[in-house]
């Protein structure tokens, strides 16, 4: 009986990447002394990660750019119907 399977590249692996980045770039870099401070630090990291950083899984776009582009494409598709 195997107690541990080597991690395989796949959807589950992709879901874990942001958590690893969050841990490496936010939690390991800051001392979270109290809940209000933790919320401020985490929110700043989340905004940077989702708003300013390009993601390879989104074709080099930031999530905000991808969402805007997706909305624009959806509106163009609706106009063509």
Protein backbone atom coordinates (compact mmCIF):
# COMPACT_ATOMS: atom_id res chain seq x y z
CA UNK A 1 0.00 0.00 0.00
CA UNK A 2 1.46 3.33 -1.08
CA UNK A 3 1.08 6.11 1.44
CA UNK A 4 2.46 8.79 -0.82
CA UNK A 5 2.16 9.24 -4.56
CA UNK A 6 4.63 11.47 -6.37
CA UNK A 7 2.91 14.63 -7.50
CA UNK A 8 1.99 14.52 -11.16
CA UNK A 9 1.59 17.51 -13.39
CA UNK A 10 -2.10 18.07 -13.93
CA UNK A 11 -5.07 20.16 -12.86
CA UNK A 12 -4.52 19.58 -9.14
CA UNK A 13 -0.90 20.65 -9.46
CA UNK A 14 -1.96 23.83 -11.25
CA UNK A 15 -4.42 24.71 -8.48
CA UNK A 16 -1.69 24.45 -5.88
CA UNK A 17 0.67 26.92 -7.55
CA UNK A 18 -1.03 30.13 -6.35
CA UNK A 19 -1.07 28.76 -2.81
CA UNK A 20 2.65 28.07 -2.98
CA UNK A 21 3.31 31.54 -4.33
CA UNK A 22 1.14 33.03 -1.60
CA UNK A 23 3.07 31.14 1.05
CA UNK A 24 6.49 31.93 -0.47
CA UNK A 25 5.88 35.56 -1.37
CA UNK A 26 3.51 36.74 1.33
CA UNK A 27 3.38 34.55 4.41
CA UNK A 28 7.10 33.77 4.51
CA UNK A 29 8.02 37.45 4.01
CA UNK A 30 5.79 39.12 6.59
CA UNK A 31 5.13 38.79 10.27
CA UNK A 32 1.36 38.89 10.70
CA UNK A 33 1.07 40.40 14.17
CA UNK A 34 -2.68 40.81 14.33
CA UNK A 35 -5.76 40.21 12.22
CA UNK A 36 -6.17 43.77 10.81
CA UNK A 37 -2.50 43.87 9.77
CA UNK A 38 -2.76 40.39 8.25
CA UNK A 39 -5.81 41.45 6.24
CA UNK A 40 -4.00 44.55 4.90
CA UNK A 41 -0.88 42.62 3.92
CA UNK A 42 -2.81 39.75 2.33
CA UNK A 43 -5.12 42.12 0.43
CA UNK A 44 -2.13 44.07 -0.95
CA UNK A 45 -0.52 40.81 -2.12
CA UNK A 46 -3.79 39.60 -3.67
CA UNK A 47 -4.28 42.87 -5.57
CA UNK A 48 -0.72 42.73 -6.88
CA UNK A 49 -1.01 39.06 -7.86
CA UNK A 50 -4.39 39.44 -9.60
CA UNK A 51 -4.03 42.94 -11.00
CA UNK A 52 -0.44 43.58 -11.96
CA UNK A 53 1.29 40.28 -12.65
CA UNK A 54 1.07 38.53 -16.01
CA UNK A 55 0.16 34.83 -15.80
CA UNK A 56 1.47 32.33 -18.33
CA UNK A 57 -1.76 30.34 -18.04
CA UNK A 58 -3.62 33.43 -19.32
CA UNK A 59 -1.37 33.99 -22.31
CA UNK A 60 0.82 36.55 -20.57
CA UNK A 61 -2.09 38.71 -19.47
CA UNK A 62 -2.90 39.79 -15.94
CA UNK A 63 -6.13 38.32 -14.57
CA UNK A 64 -7.69 41.79 -14.79
CA UNK A 65 -6.71 42.13 -18.47
CA UNK A 66 -7.95 38.62 -19.17
CA UNK A 67 -11.32 39.33 -17.52
CA UNK A 68 -11.69 42.59 -19.45
CA UNK A 69 -10.75 40.88 -22.70
CA UNK A 70 -13.11 38.00 -21.98
CA UNK A 71 -15.98 40.41 -21.28
CA UNK A 72 -15.22 42.32 -24.48
CA UNK A 73 -15.17 39.10 -26.54
CA UNK A 74 -18.45 37.99 -24.96
CA UNK A 75 -20.09 41.33 -25.80
CA UNK A 76 -18.82 41.13 -29.39
CA UNK A 77 -20.17 37.60 -29.71
CA UNK A 78 -23.58 38.71 -28.38
CA UNK A 79 -23.66 41.58 -30.88
CA UNK A 80 -23.09 39.10 -33.72
CA UNK A 81 -26.08 36.95 -32.71
